Protein backbone atom coordinates (compact mmCIF):
# COMPACT_ATOMS: atom_id res chain seq x y z
CA UNK A 1 17.44 -5.20 14.45
CA UNK A 2 15.82 -5.02 11.02
CA UNK A 3 12.69 -3.76 9.32
CA UNK A 4 9.59 -5.68 8.33
CA UNK A 5 10.59 -5.77 4.66
CA UNK A 6 13.85 -7.62 5.24
CA UNK A 7 12.27 -9.91 7.81
CA UNK A 8 9.63 -11.14 5.36
CA UNK A 9 12.10 -11.39 2.51
CA UNK A 10 14.02 -13.73 4.81
CA UNK A 11 10.90 -15.82 5.46
CA UNK A 12 10.28 -16.04 1.71
CA UNK A 13 13.92 -17.13 1.19
CA UNK A 14 13.58 -19.92 3.80
CA UNK A 15 15.88 -18.11 6.22
CA UNK A 16 18.83 -17.77 3.83
CA UNK A 17 19.28 -14.00 4.25
CA UNK A 18 19.46 -13.38 8.01
CA UNK A 19 21.23 -15.42 10.72
CA UNK A 20 19.15 -18.22 12.28
CA UNK A 21 17.44 -15.96 14.83
CA UNK A 22 14.82 -17.81 16.85
CA UNK A 23 13.53 -15.01 19.08
CA UNK A 24 11.87 -11.94 17.59
CA UNK A 25 10.19 -8.84 18.98
CA UNK A 26 8.15 -7.33 16.15
CA UNK A 27 7.16 -3.72 16.79
CA UNK A 28 4.39 -1.87 14.88
CA UNK A 29 2.94 -5.31 14.26
CA UNK A 30 -0.38 -3.94 13.02
CA UNK A 31 1.26 -3.44 9.63
CA UNK A 32 2.98 -6.79 9.14
CA UNK A 33 0.21 -8.54 7.20
CA UNK A 34 0.10 -5.80 4.57
CA UNK A 35 3.90 -5.58 4.39
CA UNK A 36 4.31 -9.35 4.03
CA UNK A 37 1.69 -9.35 1.27
CA UNK A 38 3.58 -6.57 -0.50
CA UNK A 39 6.94 -8.31 -0.16
CA UNK A 40 5.59 -11.64 -1.38
CA UNK A 41 3.61 -10.25 -4.30
CA UNK A 42 4.57 -11.59 -7.70
CA UNK A 43 4.68 -8.67 -10.10
CA UNK A 44 5.51 -8.25 -13.76
CA UNK A 45 5.94 -4.56 -14.40
CA UNK A 46 6.49 -2.68 -17.63
CA UNK A 47 9.28 -0.68 -16.01
CA UNK A 48 11.14 -3.74 -14.72
CA UNK A 49 10.86 -5.63 -17.99
CA UNK A 50 11.96 -2.59 -19.99
CA UNK A 51 14.99 -2.22 -17.70
CA UNK A 52 15.91 -5.89 -18.19
CA UNK A 53 15.85 -5.56 -21.96
CA UNK A 54 17.87 -2.35 -21.76
CA UNK A 55 20.46 -4.14 -19.64
CA UNK A 56 20.55 -7.00 -22.14
CA UNK A 57 20.98 -4.64 -25.06
CA UNK A 58 21.90 -6.11 -28.46
CA UNK A 59 24.96 -6.80 -30.60
CA UNK A 60 26.00 -3.16 -30.29
CA UNK A 61 25.66 -2.56 -26.54
CA UNK A 62 24.46 -3.78 -23.16
CA UNK A 63 25.40 -7.12 -21.61
CA UNK A 64 24.99 -8.97 -24.91
CA UNK A 65 27.11 -6.44 -26.78
CA UNK A 66 29.90 -6.63 -24.21
CA UNK A 67 30.02 -10.43 -24.28
CA UNK A 68 29.96 -10.47 -28.08
CA UNK A 69 32.87 -8.02 -28.13
CA UNK A 70 34.82 -10.14 -25.65
CA UNK A 71 34.25 -13.28 -27.71
CA UNK A 72 35.11 -11.55 -31.01
CA UNK A 73 38.43 -10.24 -29.65
CA UNK A 74 39.49 -13.63 -28.32
CA UNK A 75 40.27 -17.02 -29.79
CA UNK A 76 37.07 -18.46 -28.38
CA UNK A 77 35.08 -21.01 -30.34
CA UNK A 78 32.77 -19.84 -33.12
CA UNK A 79 30.11 -21.89 -31.30
CA UNK A 80 29.93 -19.09 -28.78
CA UNK A 81 29.27 -16.52 -31.48
CA UNK A 82 26.46 -18.66 -32.83
CA UNK A 83 24.84 -19.06 -29.41
CA UNK A 84 25.06 -15.32 -28.72
CA UNK A 85 23.68 -14.41 -32.14
CA UNK A 86 20.72 -16.71 -31.54
CA UNK A 87 20.14 -15.20 -28.09
CA UNK A 88 20.37 -11.69 -29.52
CA UNK A 89 17.69 -12.38 -32.14
CA UNK A 90 15.28 -13.98 -29.66
CA UNK A 91 15.78 -11.16 -27.15
CA UNK A 92 14.94 -8.58 -29.81
CA UNK A 93 11.67 -10.36 -30.64
CA UNK A 94 10.75 -10.85 -26.98
CA UNK A 95 11.27 -7.16 -26.30
CA UNK A 96 8.83 -6.17 -29.05
CA UNK A 97 6.01 -8.57 -28.21
CA UNK A 98 6.27 -8.05 -24.44
CA UNK A 99 5.62 -4.33 -24.87
CA UNK A 100 2.26 -5.23 -26.41
CA UNK A 101 1.19 -6.92 -23.15
CA UNK A 102 1.46 -3.67 -21.24
CA UNK A 103 -0.35 -1.74 -23.98
CA UNK A 104 -3.25 -4.19 -23.59
CA UNK A 105 -3.07 -3.76 -19.80
CA UNK A 106 -3.59 -0.01 -20.21
CA UNK A 107 -6.54 -0.65 -22.54
CA UNK A 108 -8.02 -2.93 -19.89
CA UNK A 109 -7.74 -0.27 -17.20
CA UNK A 110 -9.23 2.36 -19.51
CA UNK A 111 -12.27 0.19 -20.10
CA UNK A 112 -12.81 -0.56 -16.40
CA UNK A 113 -14.82 1.38 -13.85
CA UNK A 114 -11.55 2.19 -12.10
CA UNK A 115 -10.59 4.57 -14.90
CA UNK A 116 -10.37 8.14 -13.61
CA UNK A 117 -8.28 7.44 -10.52
CA UNK A 118 -4.60 8.35 -10.54
CA UNK A 119 -3.80 4.66 -10.27
CA UNK A 120 -6.28 2.06 -11.49
CA UNK A 121 -6.18 -1.29 -9.71
CA UNK A 122 -8.37 -3.73 -11.62
CA UNK A 123 -9.39 -7.06 -10.12
CA UNK A 124 -9.16 -9.98 -12.53
CA UNK A 125 -12.61 -11.31 -11.74
CA UNK A 126 -14.51 -14.12 -13.49
CA UNK A 127 -16.54 -11.41 -15.25
CA UNK A 128 -13.45 -9.54 -16.38
CA UNK A 129 -11.93 -12.75 -17.74
CA UNK A 130 -14.79 -12.97 -20.25
CA UNK A 131 -14.30 -9.46 -21.68
CA UNK A 132 -12.65 -8.62 -24.98
CA UNK A 133 -10.03 -6.52 -23.18
CA UNK A 134 -8.86 -9.44 -21.06
CA UNK A 135 -8.96 -11.80 -24.04
CA UNK A 136 -6.66 -9.46 -25.95
CA UNK A 137 -4.37 -9.09 -22.94
CA UNK A 138 -4.22 -12.86 -22.42
CA UNK A 139 -3.48 -13.45 -26.11
CA UNK A 140 -0.68 -10.88 -26.07
CA UNK A 141 0.58 -12.47 -22.87
CA UNK A 142 0.75 -15.95 -24.37
CA UNK A 143 2.68 -14.64 -27.37
CA UNK A 144 5.04 -12.80 -25.02
CA UNK A 145 5.47 -15.88 -22.80
CA UNK A 146 6.51 -17.97 -25.81
CA UNK A 147 9.01 -15.33 -26.91
CA UNK A 148 10.37 -14.89 -23.40
CA UNK A 149 10.71 -18.63 -23.01
CA UNK A 150 12.73 -18.86 -26.21
CA UNK A 151 14.91 -15.89 -25.23
CA UNK A 152 15.49 -17.36 -21.77
CA UNK A 153 16.50 -20.76 -23.16
CA UNK A 154 18.91 -19.18 -25.62
CA UNK A 155 20.42 -16.92 -22.98
CA UNK A 156 20.79 -19.83 -20.58
CA UNK A 157 22.52 -21.92 -23.22
CA UNK A 158 24.96 -19.11 -23.97
CA UNK A 159 25.64 -18.48 -20.27
CA UNK A 160 26.27 -22.17 -19.54
CA UNK A 161 28.56 -22.65 -22.52
CA UNK A 162 30.59 -19.47 -21.98
CA UNK A 163 30.54 -19.80 -18.21
CA UNK A 164 32.25 -23.15 -18.37
CA UNK A 165 35.35 -21.52 -19.89
CA UNK A 166 35.16 -17.80 -19.12
CA UNK A 167 32.74 -17.27 -16.20
CA UNK A 168 33.83 -13.65 -15.71
CA UNK A 169 32.36 -12.77 -19.11
CA UNK A 170 28.79 -13.77 -18.23
CA UNK A 171 28.26 -12.56 -14.65
CA UNK A 172 25.91 -9.74 -15.69
CA UNK A 173 24.27 -11.81 -18.41
CA UNK A 174 23.53 -14.63 -15.95
CA UNK A 175 21.88 -12.24 -13.50
CA UNK A 176 19.65 -10.78 -16.21
CA UNK A 177 18.73 -14.26 -17.47
CA UNK A 178 17.65 -15.25 -13.95
CA UNK A 179 15.48 -12.16 -13.61
CA UNK A 180 13.98 -12.71 -17.05
CA UNK A 181 13.09 -16.27 -16.03
CA UNK A 182 11.35 -14.89 -12.92
CA UNK A 183 9.35 -12.43 -15.05
CA UNK A 184 8.35 -15.29 -17.35
CA UNK A 185 7.20 -17.44 -14.41
CA UNK A 186 5.23 -14.53 -13.00
CA UNK A 187 3.55 -13.81 -16.32
CA UNK A 188 2.49 -17.44 -16.69
CA UNK A 189 1.14 -17.57 -13.13
CA UNK A 190 -0.95 -14.42 -13.58
CA UNK A 191 -2.29 -15.30 -17.03
CA UNK A 192 -3.26 -18.81 -15.90
CA UNK A 193 -4.90 -17.44 -12.75
CA UNK A 194 -5.43 -20.96 -11.42
CA UNK A 195 -3.46 -20.85 -8.16
CA UNK A 196 -6.13 -20.11 -5.56
CA UNK A 197 -3.59 -18.87 -3.04
CA UNK A 198 -3.48 -15.58 -4.96
CA UNK A 199 -5.68 -12.69 -6.02
CA UNK A 200 -4.85 -11.33 -9.47
CA UNK A 201 -4.96 -7.72 -10.60
CA UNK A 202 -3.77 -5.25 -13.21
CA UNK A 203 -2.44 -1.93 -11.93
CA UNK A 204 -1.91 1.10 -14.14
CA UNK A 205 -0.47 4.48 -13.18
CA UNK A 206 -2.71 6.67 -15.29
CA UNK A 207 -0.56 9.76 -14.86
CA UNK A 208 2.07 8.09 -17.03
CA UNK A 209 1.52 7.66 -20.75
CA UNK A 210 3.39 4.37 -20.64
CA UNK A 211 5.56 2.37 -18.27
CA UNK A 212 3.24 2.38 -15.27
CA UNK A 213 1.59 -0.98 -15.94
CA UNK A 214 1.93 -3.92 -13.53
CA UNK A 215 0.45 -7.42 -13.60
CA UNK A 216 0.20 -8.65 -10.04
CA UNK A 217 -0.53 -11.77 -7.97
CA UNK A 218 -0.89 -11.21 -4.21
CA UNK A 219 -1.03 -13.88 -1.57
CA UNK A 220 -4.48 -13.86 0.05
CA UNK A 221 -3.86 -15.65 3.34
CA UNK A 222 -0.65 -14.34 4.90
CA UNK A 223 -1.39 -16.02 8.20
CA UNK A 224 -1.30 -19.43 6.52
CA UNK A 225 2.26 -18.79 5.33
CA UNK A 226 3.36 -17.59 8.76
CA UNK A 227 1.88 -20.66 10.45
CA UNK A 228 3.46 -23.09 7.98
CA UNK A 229 6.84 -21.52 7.21
CA UNK A 230 7.80 -19.11 9.97
CA UNK A 231 6.33 -20.04 13.33
CA UNK A 232 7.67 -23.64 13.35
CA UNK A 233 11.22 -22.22 13.17
CA UNK A 234 10.71 -19.79 16.06
CA UNK A 235 11.28 -20.27 19.77
CA UNK A 236 9.51 -17.04 20.79
CA UNK A 237 7.70 -14.19 19.03
CA UNK A 238 6.38 -10.98 20.55
CA UNK A 239 4.06 -8.83 18.45
CA UNK A 240 3.56 -5.34 19.81
CA UNK A 241 1.63 -2.25 18.69
CA UNK A 242 -0.77 0.34 20.03
CA UNK A 243 -3.34 -0.79 17.46
CA UNK A 244 -3.67 -4.56 17.50
CA UNK A 245 -7.16 -4.86 18.97
CA UNK A 246 -10.63 -3.92 17.77
CA UNK A 247 -12.86 -3.05 20.74
CA UNK A 248 -10.29 -4.80 22.99
CA UNK A 249 -10.58 -7.97 20.87
CA UNK A 250 -7.43 -9.46 19.26
CA UNK A 251 -9.17 -12.03 17.05
CA UNK A 252 -8.77 -10.01 13.83
CA UNK A 253 -5.01 -9.74 14.34
CA UNK A 254 -4.72 -13.39 15.36
CA UNK A 255 -6.48 -14.44 12.16
CA UNK A 256 -4.46 -12.05 9.97
CA UNK A 257 -1.09 -13.40 11.14
CA UNK A 258 -2.09 -17.05 11.56
CA UNK A 259 -1.97 -17.28 15.34
CA UNK A 260 -5.44 -18.83 15.27
CA UNK A 261 -3.98 -21.73 13.26
CA UNK A 262 -1.61 -22.75 16.07
CA UNK A 263 -2.29 -25.27 18.80
CA UNK A 264 -4.50 -23.96 21.63
CA UNK A 265 -2.35 -22.19 24.20
CA UNK A 266 0.53 -21.58 21.79
CA UNK A 267 -0.10 -17.82 21.91
CA UNK A 268 -1.66 -15.37 24.30
CA UNK A 269 -2.68 -11.70 24.20
CA UNK A 270 -1.87 -8.99 26.72
CA UNK A 271 -3.56 -5.59 26.76
CA UNK A 272 -1.58 -2.88 28.58
CA UNK A 273 -3.28 0.40 29.42
CA UNK A 274 -1.64 3.63 28.34
CA UNK A 275 -0.06 5.92 30.92
CA UNK A 276 -1.77 8.89 29.21
CA UNK A 277 -4.99 10.31 30.65
CA UNK A 278 -6.99 10.30 27.41
CA UNK A 279 -10.33 11.01 29.08
CA UNK A 280 -8.94 14.23 30.49
CA UNK A 281 -6.69 15.37 27.65
CA UNK A 282 -8.53 14.25 24.51
CA UNK A 283 -12.01 15.18 23.35
CA UNK A 284 -13.78 13.34 20.53
CA UNK A 285 -16.44 15.07 18.44
CA UNK A 286 -18.65 13.37 15.86
CA UNK A 287 -20.37 15.69 13.38
CA UNK A 288 -23.45 13.53 13.29
CA UNK A 289 -25.62 15.40 10.77
CA UNK A 290 -23.28 15.57 7.78
CA UNK A 291 -24.55 13.98 4.54
CA UNK A 292 -23.41 10.45 3.83
CA UNK A 293 -19.96 10.62 2.18
CA UNK A 294 -21.28 8.52 -0.68
CA UNK A 295 -23.39 11.57 -1.65
CA UNK A 296 -20.17 13.30 -2.68
CA UNK A 297 -21.33 16.75 -3.77
CA UNK A 298 -23.55 17.38 -0.74
CA UNK A 299 -20.95 15.92 1.58
CA UNK A 300 -18.10 18.08 0.26
CA UNK A 301 -20.19 21.25 0.53
CA UNK A 302 -20.99 20.47 4.16
CA UNK A 303 -17.43 19.40 4.91
CA UNK A 304 -16.07 22.62 3.44
CA UNK A 305 -18.09 24.68 5.92
CA UNK A 306 -17.08 22.41 8.79
CA UNK A 307 -13.37 22.61 7.97
CA UNK A 308 -13.42 26.40 7.79
CA UNK A 309 -15.17 26.53 11.17
CA UNK A 310 -12.71 24.09 12.75
CA UNK A 311 -9.62 26.00 11.58
CA UNK A 312 -11.05 29.34 12.65
CA UNK A 313 -12.02 28.05 16.08
CA UNK A 314 -8.66 26.38 16.72
CA UNK A 315 -6.61 29.22 15.22
CA UNK A 316 -4.64 26.69 13.20
CA UNK A 317 -2.58 23.68 14.39
CA UNK A 318 -5.04 21.36 12.64
CA UNK A 319 -4.14 18.17 10.79
CA UNK A 320 -6.82 16.87 8.40
CA UNK A 321 -6.28 13.31 7.22
CA UNK A 322 -7.92 12.34 3.94
CA UNK A 323 -8.47 8.94 2.37
CA UNK A 324 -8.18 10.12 -1.25
CA UNK A 325 -6.38 12.82 -3.18
CA UNK A 326 -9.32 14.02 -5.22
CA UNK A 327 -11.37 15.11 -2.19
CA UNK A 328 -8.33 16.63 -0.51
CA UNK A 329 -7.27 18.77 -3.45
CA UNK A 330 -10.79 19.93 -4.22
CA UNK A 331 -11.43 20.97 -0.62
CA UNK A 332 -8.04 22.65 -0.38
CA UNK A 333 -8.97 24.87 -3.33
CA UNK A 334 -12.18 25.83 -1.52
CA UNK A 335 -10.92 26.17 2.06
CA UNK A 336 -7.44 27.71 1.72
CA UNK A 337 -8.54 31.13 0.36
CA UNK A 338 -11.07 31.59 3.18
CA UNK A 339 -8.44 30.80 5.81
CA UNK A 340 -5.77 32.94 4.14
CA UNK A 341 -8.04 35.98 4.41
CA UNK A 342 -7.97 35.50 8.18
CA UNK A 343 -4.22 35.02 8.36
CA UNK A 344 -4.34 31.24 8.82
CA UNK A 345 -1.84 29.12 6.92
CA UNK A 346 -2.95 25.87 5.30
CA UNK A 347 -0.64 23.55 3.35
CA UNK A 348 -1.59 20.55 1.23
CA UNK A 349 0.19 17.33 0.36
CA UNK A 350 0.21 17.84 -3.39
CA UNK A 351 1.94 15.46 -5.77
CA UNK A 352 4.93 17.78 -6.01
CA UNK A 353 5.23 18.35 -2.27
CA UNK A 354 7.87 16.61 -0.15
CA UNK A 355 6.28 14.75 2.77
CA UNK A 356 9.39 15.40 4.88
CA UNK A 357 9.32 19.14 4.19
CA UNK A 358 5.62 19.28 5.01
CA UNK A 359 6.26 17.48 8.31
CA UNK A 360 9.15 19.74 9.24
CA UNK A 361 7.23 22.90 8.39
CA UNK A 362 4.14 21.79 10.31
CA UNK A 363 6.20 21.02 13.41
CA UNK A 364 8.33 24.17 13.27
CA UNK A 365 5.55 26.65 12.45
CA UNK A 366 3.11 26.79 15.35
CA UNK A 367 -0.34 27.59 14.04
CA UNK A 368 0.16 26.12 10.58
CA UNK A 369 -2.33 23.50 9.37
CA UNK A 370 -2.09 20.68 6.88
CA UNK A 371 -4.27 18.61 4.55
CA UNK A 372 -2.56 15.22 4.16
CA UNK A 373 -2.96 11.67 2.89
CA UNK A 374 -2.09 8.20 4.22
CA UNK A 375 1.61 9.02 4.66
CA UNK A 376 0.59 11.04 7.73
CA UNK A 377 -1.89 8.57 9.20
CA UNK A 378 0.86 6.85 11.19
CA UNK A 379 4.43 7.56 12.17
CA UNK A 380 3.83 11.33 12.29
CA UNK A 381 4.83 12.79 15.66
CA UNK A 382 3.93 16.42 16.39
CA UNK A 383 3.56 16.91 20.12
CA UNK A 384 2.61 20.00 22.04
CA UNK A 385 0.95 23.12 20.65
CA UNK A 386 1.91 22.34 17.06
CA UNK A 387 -1.00 19.91 16.82
CA UNK A 388 -4.18 20.54 18.77
CA UNK A 389 -6.81 19.09 16.45
CA UNK A 390 -7.02 16.12 14.10
CA UNK A 391 -9.88 15.94 11.60
CA UNK A 392 -10.77 12.69 9.86
CA UNK A 393 -13.33 13.45 7.14
CA UNK A 394 -14.09 9.89 6.06
CA UNK A 395 -13.82 6.41 7.52
CA UNK A 396 -10.85 4.64 5.87
CA UNK A 397 -12.66 1.74 4.25
CA UNK A 398 -10.94 -0.04 1.38
CA UNK A 399 -12.32 0.86 -2.04
CA UNK A 400 -15.28 -1.31 -3.08
CA UNK A 401 -13.22 -2.27 -6.15
CA UNK A 402 -10.10 -3.24 -4.18
CA UNK A 403 -9.00 -6.60 -5.67
CA UNK A 404 -8.27 -8.30 -2.33
CA UNK A 405 -11.63 -7.23 -0.88
CA UNK A 406 -13.47 -8.33 -4.03
CA UNK A 407 -11.77 -11.72 -4.02
CA UNK A 408 -12.61 -12.26 -0.37
CA UNK A 409 -16.24 -11.29 -1.00
CA UNK A 410 -16.38 -13.87 -3.76
CA UNK A 411 -14.97 -16.62 -1.55
CA UNK A 412 -16.41 -15.86 1.90
CA UNK A 413 -19.79 -14.84 3.18
CA UNK A 414 -19.50 -11.82 5.49
CA UNK A 415 -15.99 -10.98 4.29
CA UNK A 416 -16.59 -7.23 4.60
CA UNK A 417 -17.29 -7.50 8.33
CA UNK A 418 -14.46 -9.96 8.83
CA UNK A 419 -11.73 -8.02 7.01
CA UNK A 420 -12.61 -4.56 5.69
CA UNK A 421 -14.34 -3.29 8.83
CA UNK A 422 -11.66 -4.23 11.41
CA UNK A 423 -8.87 -3.01 9.14
CA UNK A 424 -10.63 0.36 8.84
CA UNK A 425 -11.00 0.49 12.63
CA UNK A 426 -7.28 -0.07 13.09
CA UNK A 427 -6.44 2.61 10.53
CA UNK A 428 -8.69 5.09 12.32
CA UNK A 429 -6.99 4.25 15.62
CA UNK A 430 -3.62 4.95 14.03
CA UNK A 431 -4.82 8.30 12.72
CA UNK A 432 -6.35 9.26 16.05
CA UNK A 433 -3.02 8.41 17.65
CA UNK A 434 -1.43 11.43 15.95
CA UNK A 435 -3.17 13.73 18.44
CA UNK A 436 -1.84 12.80 21.88
CA UNK A 437 1.91 12.18 21.72
CA UNK A 438 2.92 12.95 25.33
CA UNK A 439 1.35 12.96 28.79
CA UNK A 440 0.89 16.75 28.63
CA UNK A 441 -0.66 16.95 25.15
CA UNK A 442 -4.28 18.02 24.80
CA UNK A 443 -6.44 18.07 21.70
CA UNK A 444 -9.68 17.38 19.90
CA UNK A 445 -10.42 14.63 17.41
CA UNK A 446 -13.14 15.64 14.95
CA UNK A 447 -14.77 12.76 13.10
CA UNK A 448 -16.73 14.06 10.12
CA UNK A 449 -18.38 10.84 8.96
CA UNK A 450 -22.00 10.54 10.09
CA UNK A 451 -21.95 6.77 9.52
CA UNK A 452 -20.30 6.54 12.93
CA UNK A 453 -23.71 7.23 14.48
CA UNK A 454 -26.08 6.23 11.67
CA UNK A 455 -24.70 2.72 11.07
CA UNK A 456 -24.46 -0.15 13.52
CA UNK A 457 -20.80 -0.71 12.76
CA UNK A 458 -20.01 2.82 13.98
CA UNK A 459 -19.77 1.50 17.53
CA UNK A 460 -16.78 -0.64 16.52
CA UNK A 461 -14.86 2.53 15.70
CA UNK A 462 -16.00 4.58 18.68
CA UNK A 463 -15.43 1.76 21.18
CA UNK A 464 -11.89 1.31 19.87
CA UNK A 465 -10.80 4.88 20.59
CA UNK A 466 -8.74 5.47 23.74
CA UNK A 467 -11.32 7.80 25.29
CA UNK A 468 -14.30 6.66 27.28
CA UNK A 469 -16.84 8.71 25.33
CA UNK A 470 -17.54 11.19 22.56
CA UNK A 471 -19.71 14.23 21.81
CA UNK A 472 -22.24 14.02 18.99
CA UNK A 473 -22.69 17.57 17.71
CA UNK A 474 -24.34 19.10 14.65
CA UNK A 475 -21.74 20.31 12.18
CA UNK A 476 -22.87 23.93 12.52
CA UNK A 477 -22.09 23.83 16.25
CA UNK A 478 -18.68 22.16 16.09
CA UNK A 479 -16.86 25.48 15.72
CA UNK A 480 -18.54 26.87 18.84
CA UNK A 481 -17.67 23.71 20.79
CA UNK A 482 -14.02 24.02 19.79
CA UNK A 483 -13.90 27.67 20.81
CA UNK A 484 -15.15 26.75 24.30
CA UNK A 485 -12.74 23.80 24.49
CA UNK A 486 -9.84 26.00 23.49
CA UNK A 487 -10.63 28.61 26.14
CA UNK A 488 -10.74 25.96 28.83
CA UNK A 489 -7.36 24.53 27.79
CA UNK A 490 -5.30 27.66 27.28
């Protein structure tokens, strides 16, 4: 038994981590494509590089300082001192010039349209590659790569020479040299940007003044890797999850994990009905007249009124699942005072809040309600009276500027419908799954995105829910509907 992270690390390491297991049952399989992409990403982060140079140190401390002290106090050859002195000088230069790369990365994010989010994630597009900001970043990167290459060669020479006679002296130094070589390879890959297996991006945590910069290359086609490197080694694989299909169709999952690349008949799908009576125990309401969420100000005003009505009608025990922090925090500031005046408790997943404490409090305090982010969209289990209503304000589409989505749009016609839409459907199914956690649970799912009924793709979402139907109701009448529902279920 293991988790997805270790499993995919093992695939990446050609099976050198885990025993040669040939039969796997992979639970919660809806998340394996994203997890494999995360595990296999090649990243060069300011924090990691800074830590490596801190571990290396200089002639007065760190791994270099310790080895220099060991050599100086022994009768070892003066050749060793020369090699270490050369390594020390090149490491000092590499540390300085590498820091400039991450300064340029922050400048790039500041100049992009992503600036303003807590964490900017900037796609390295053909257009971006022609900007002054990218030119400066690439120039700083080339200078850093040359310095890192020199430092790595000098460190390797010192490790090999010393290791031949006193291997115990260079254990730590050898590990750091290996990691520095990996950072150098990653930097070259991302700056070149020529390997078409990857999408390239620059991520910056804008809540940090420095240290939150990451250059990243993510594998685009995870299914291709599975089909080439994992499946041929397996005797049997079972993928299981409550959210693998979109409108009872498994083709999106099959494509995502490479099952469609296998020989015909090599895999098959099985849909098992739930033992829960969703049609009886779960009601679905679509507030069909709300403004389009892309009209943010009008939408938030209407959503504020709807959320107050929902919490009043249900008397609490409401979980509202947001797709972004900005909307959540702004609405919390508007809604919480109105509910507090009526004795209703509403918590919010702020940056300082512990997700575990919020979960425990919500479950233990019947009648409490919560505004939460993606951490609560799956894996959150609150059965019984503690959770009687789930509100999803906005369909969970990937950001229009998401690097992977942008790269797919550039390469494939109809990529949005092929990837973004089904992935959003599966995320909505996961969120809706928070409501009914046992055969005796009852509750209402309130969907506050009018695109479900105004856009043709809305049927994909509605047809993927476990219930056989839904109620389209004007937002002003949702509270009244919930009051009647509550009376009939208490």
